[in-house]
Amino acid sequence: MVFLRGFLRLASGQGENLSHSSGEWFAIDGKSIKGTVQGYSQAYQNFVSVVSVYSHQRGFVVALKQFENKQHSEIKVVQTLLAALGLQDVVFTFDALHAQEKLCS
């Protein structure tokens, strides 16, 4: 039932400023959808990717953003998504792409 309430809330556009518990853990990761690759023979290919924000405590994805790699970078999409969610006093886990010194300040 918790999943259904959370899903209906997100689907209705009420996912921004997500209510959360202090110390809650969120995993953020990007995935490329390789079946969407355009320009196989080119050095720089375009494809669709998604970034998801997964709540460890809730057990489901609380936010998802789709983008094309030629138009946006995963780093910028994650920054925009986090700003829109307005999460504070929580723990985030990221992959190595986001462990750059200039992004951690």
C-alpha atoms as a PDB file:
ATOM      1  CA  MET A   1       0.000   0.000   0.000  1.00  0.00           C
ATOM      2  CA  VAL A   2       2.894   2.376   0.758  1.00  0.00           C
ATOM      3  CA  PHE A   3       4.249   1.812  -2.749  1.00  0.00           C
ATOM      4  CA  LEU A   4       0.865   2.556  -4.331  1.00  0.00           C
ATOM      5  CA  ARG A   5       0.437   5.819  -2.386  1.00  0.00           C
ATOM      6  CA  GLY A   6       3.965   6.913  -3.307  1.00  0.00           C
ATOM      7  CA  PHE A   7       3.478   5.996  -6.952  1.00  0.00           C
ATOM      8  CA  LEU A   8       0.147   7.824  -7.214  1.00  0.00           C
ATOM      9  CA  ARG A   9       1.677  10.897  -5.582  1.00  0.00           C
ATOM     10  CA  LEU A  10       4.614  10.933  -8.002  1.00  0.00           C
ATOM     11  CA  ALA A  11       2.417  10.183 -11.025  1.00  0.00           C
ATOM     12  CA  SER A  12       0.157  13.090 -10.180  1.00  0.00           C
ATOM     13  CA  GLY A  13       3.116  15.492 -10.217  1.00  0.00           C
ATOM     14  CA  GLN A  14       3.342  15.906  -6.459  1.00  0.00           C
ATOM     15  CA  GLY A  15       6.806  14.354  -6.253  1.00  0.00           C
ATOM     16  CA  GLU A  16       8.612  17.651  -5.832  1.00  0.00           C
ATOM     17  CA  ASN A  17       9.690  18.494  -2.283  1.00  0.00           C
ATOM     18  CA  LEU A  18       9.293  14.850  -1.334  1.00  0.00           C
ATOM     19  CA  SER A  19       8.599  14.318   2.364  1.00  0.00           C
ATOM     20  CA  HIS A  20      11.439  12.372   3.937  1.00  0.00           C
ATOM     21  CA  SER A  21      13.000  11.353   7.225  1.00  0.00           C
ATOM     22  CA  SER A  22      16.221  12.846   8.506  1.00  0.00           C
ATOM     23  CA  GLY A  23      19.052  10.460   7.704  1.00  0.00           C
ATOM     24  CA  GLU A  24      17.111   8.640   4.961  1.00  0.00           C
ATOM     25  CA  TRP A  25      19.343   7.048   2.281  1.00  0.00           C
ATOM     26  CA  PHE A  26      18.895   7.659  -1.458  1.00  0.00           C
ATOM     27  CA  ALA A  27      20.856   5.956  -4.254  1.00  0.00           C
ATOM     28  CA  ILE A  28      21.225   7.958  -7.465  1.00  0.00           C
ATOM     29  CA  ASP A  29      22.312   6.290 -10.677  1.00  0.00           C
ATOM     30  CA  GLY A  30      22.154   6.832 -14.419  1.00  0.00           C
ATOM     31  CA  LYS A  31      21.548   4.124 -16.986  1.00  0.00           C
ATOM     32  CA  SER A  32      21.903   4.309 -20.752  1.00  0.00           C
ATOM     33  CA  ILE A  33      19.298   2.599 -22.882  1.00  0.00           C
ATOM     34  CA  LYS A  34      21.569   1.146 -25.530  1.00  0.00           C
ATOM     35  CA  GLY A  35      18.682   0.121 -27.793  1.00  0.00           C
ATOM     36  CA  THR A  36      18.178   3.838 -28.504  1.00  0.00           C
ATOM     37  CA  VAL A  37      21.670   4.440 -29.970  1.00  0.00           C
ATOM     38  CA  GLN A  38      21.737   6.629 -33.075  1.00  0.00           C
ATOM     39  CA  GLY A  39      24.786   6.926 -35.305  1.00  0.00           C
ATOM     40  CA  TYR A  40      26.473   3.573 -34.706  1.00  0.00           C
ATOM     41  CA  SER A  41      29.354   4.414 -37.049  1.00  0.00           C
ATOM     42  CA  GLN A  42      30.055   7.864 -35.562  1.00  0.00           C
ATOM     43  CA  ALA A  43      32.642   8.543 -32.873  1.00  0.00           C
ATOM     44  CA  TYR A  44      30.093  10.314 -30.660  1.00  0.00           C
ATOM     45  CA  GLN A  45      26.782   8.488 -30.531  1.00  0.00           C
ATOM     46  CA  ASN A  46      23.460   9.778 -29.237  1.00  0.00           C
ATOM     47  CA  PHE A  47      21.258   7.653 -26.988  1.00  0.00           C
ATOM     48  CA  VAL A  48      18.572   8.006 -24.312  1.00  0.00           C
ATOM     49  CA  SER A  49      19.552   7.712 -20.656  1.00  0.00           C
ATOM     50  CA  VAL A  50      17.657   7.886 -17.370  1.00  0.00           C
ATOM     51  CA  VAL A  51      18.665   8.954 -13.868  1.00  0.00           C
ATOM     52  CA  SER A  52      16.782   7.426 -10.960  1.00  0.00           C
ATOM     53  CA  VAL A  53      16.604   8.344  -7.275  1.00  0.00           C
ATOM     54  CA  TYR A  54      15.953   5.204  -5.210  1.00  0.00           C
ATOM     55  CA  SER A  55      14.924   5.304  -1.545  1.00  0.00           C
ATOM     56  CA  HIS A  56      16.524   2.509   0.479  1.00  0.00           C
ATOM     57  CA  GLN A  57      13.918   2.788   3.250  1.00  0.00           C
ATOM     58  CA  ARG A  58      10.880   2.845   0.944  1.00  0.00           C
ATOM     59  CA  GLY A  59      12.203   0.259  -1.476  1.00  0.00           C
ATOM     60  CA  PHE A  60      11.246   2.052  -4.696  1.00  0.00           C
ATOM     61  CA  VAL A  61      12.314   4.813  -7.094  1.00  0.00           C
ATOM     62  CA  VAL A  62      11.010   8.214  -5.955  1.00  0.00           C
ATOM     63  CA  ALA A  63      12.154  10.213  -8.999  1.00  0.00           C
ATOM     64  CA  LEU A  64      13.187   9.504 -12.573  1.00  0.00           C
ATOM     65  CA  LYS A  65      14.483  11.826 -15.302  1.00  0.00           C
ATOM     66  CA  GLN A  66      15.046  10.920 -18.959  1.00  0.00           C
ATOM     67  CA  PHE A  67      17.541  12.740 -21.189  1.00  0.00           C
ATOM     68  CA  GLU A  68      19.558  12.393 -24.405  1.00  0.00           C
ATOM     69  CA  ASN A  69      23.317  12.403 -23.935  1.00  0.00           C
ATOM     70  CA  LYS A  70      23.911  14.861 -26.822  1.00  0.00           C
ATOM     71  CA  GLN A  71      21.619  17.411 -25.164  1.00  0.00           C
ATOM     72  CA  HIS A  72      22.477  17.004 -21.454  1.00  0.00           C
ATOM     73  CA  SER A  73      25.064  15.405 -19.211  1.00  0.00           C
ATOM     74  CA  GLU A  74      24.230  13.006 -16.385  1.00  0.00           C
ATOM     75  CA  ILE A  75      25.986  15.339 -13.952  1.00  0.00           C
ATOM     76  CA  LYS A  76      23.708  18.281 -14.833  1.00  0.00           C
ATOM     77  CA  VAL A  77      20.583  16.088 -14.802  1.00  0.00           C
ATOM     78  CA  VAL A  78      21.425  14.824 -11.297  1.00  0.00           C
ATOM     79  CA  GLN A  79      22.016  18.378 -10.043  1.00  0.00           C
ATOM     80  CA  THR A  80      18.682  19.550 -11.492  1.00  0.00           C
ATOM     81  CA  LEU A  81      16.811  16.542 -10.114  1.00  0.00           C
ATOM     82  CA  LEU A  82      18.229  17.005  -6.613  1.00  0.00           C
ATOM     83  CA  ALA A  83      17.363  20.698  -6.610  1.00  0.00           C
ATOM     84  CA  ALA A  84      13.772  19.920  -7.674  1.00  0.00           C
ATOM     85  CA  LEU A  85      13.323  17.300  -4.940  1.00  0.00           C
ATOM     86  CA  GLY A  86      14.504  19.643  -2.185  1.00  0.00           C
ATOM     87  CA  LEU A  87      15.871  16.847   0.024  1.00  0.00           C
ATOM     88  CA  GLN A  88      17.822  17.925   3.113  1.00  0.00           C
ATOM     89  CA  ASP A  89      19.487  16.052   5.986  1.00  0.00           C
ATOM     90  CA  VAL A  90      19.638  12.823   3.974  1.00  0.00           C
ATOM     91  CA  VAL A  91      22.431  10.576   2.703  1.00  0.00           C
ATOM     92  CA  PHE A  92      23.059  10.201  -1.035  1.00  0.00           C
ATOM     93  CA  THR A  93      25.056   7.466  -2.723  1.00  0.00           C
ATOM     94  CA  PHE A  94      26.438   8.052  -6.222  1.00  0.00           C
ATOM     95  CA  ASP A  95      28.772   6.270  -8.604  1.00  0.00           C
ATOM     96  CA  ALA A  96      32.307   7.476  -9.314  1.00  0.00           C
ATOM     97  CA  LEU A  97      31.169   9.911 -12.027  1.00  0.00           C
ATOM     98  CA  HIS A  98      29.885  12.227  -9.283  1.00  0.00           C
ATOM     99  CA  ALA A  99      32.986  11.952  -7.044  1.00  0.00           C
ATOM    100  CA  GLN A 100      34.757  14.867  -8.706  1.00  0.00           C
ATOM    101  CA  GLU A 101      36.152  17.452  -6.316  1.00  0.00           C
ATOM    102  CA  LYS A 102      34.434  20.364  -8.077  1.00  0.00           C
ATOM    103  CA  LEU A 103      31.030  18.666  -7.623  1.00  0.00           C
ATOM    104  CA  CYS A 104      31.420  17.795  -3.943  1.00  0.00           C
ATOM    105  CA  SER A 105      31.716  21.339  -2.615  1.00  0.00           C
END
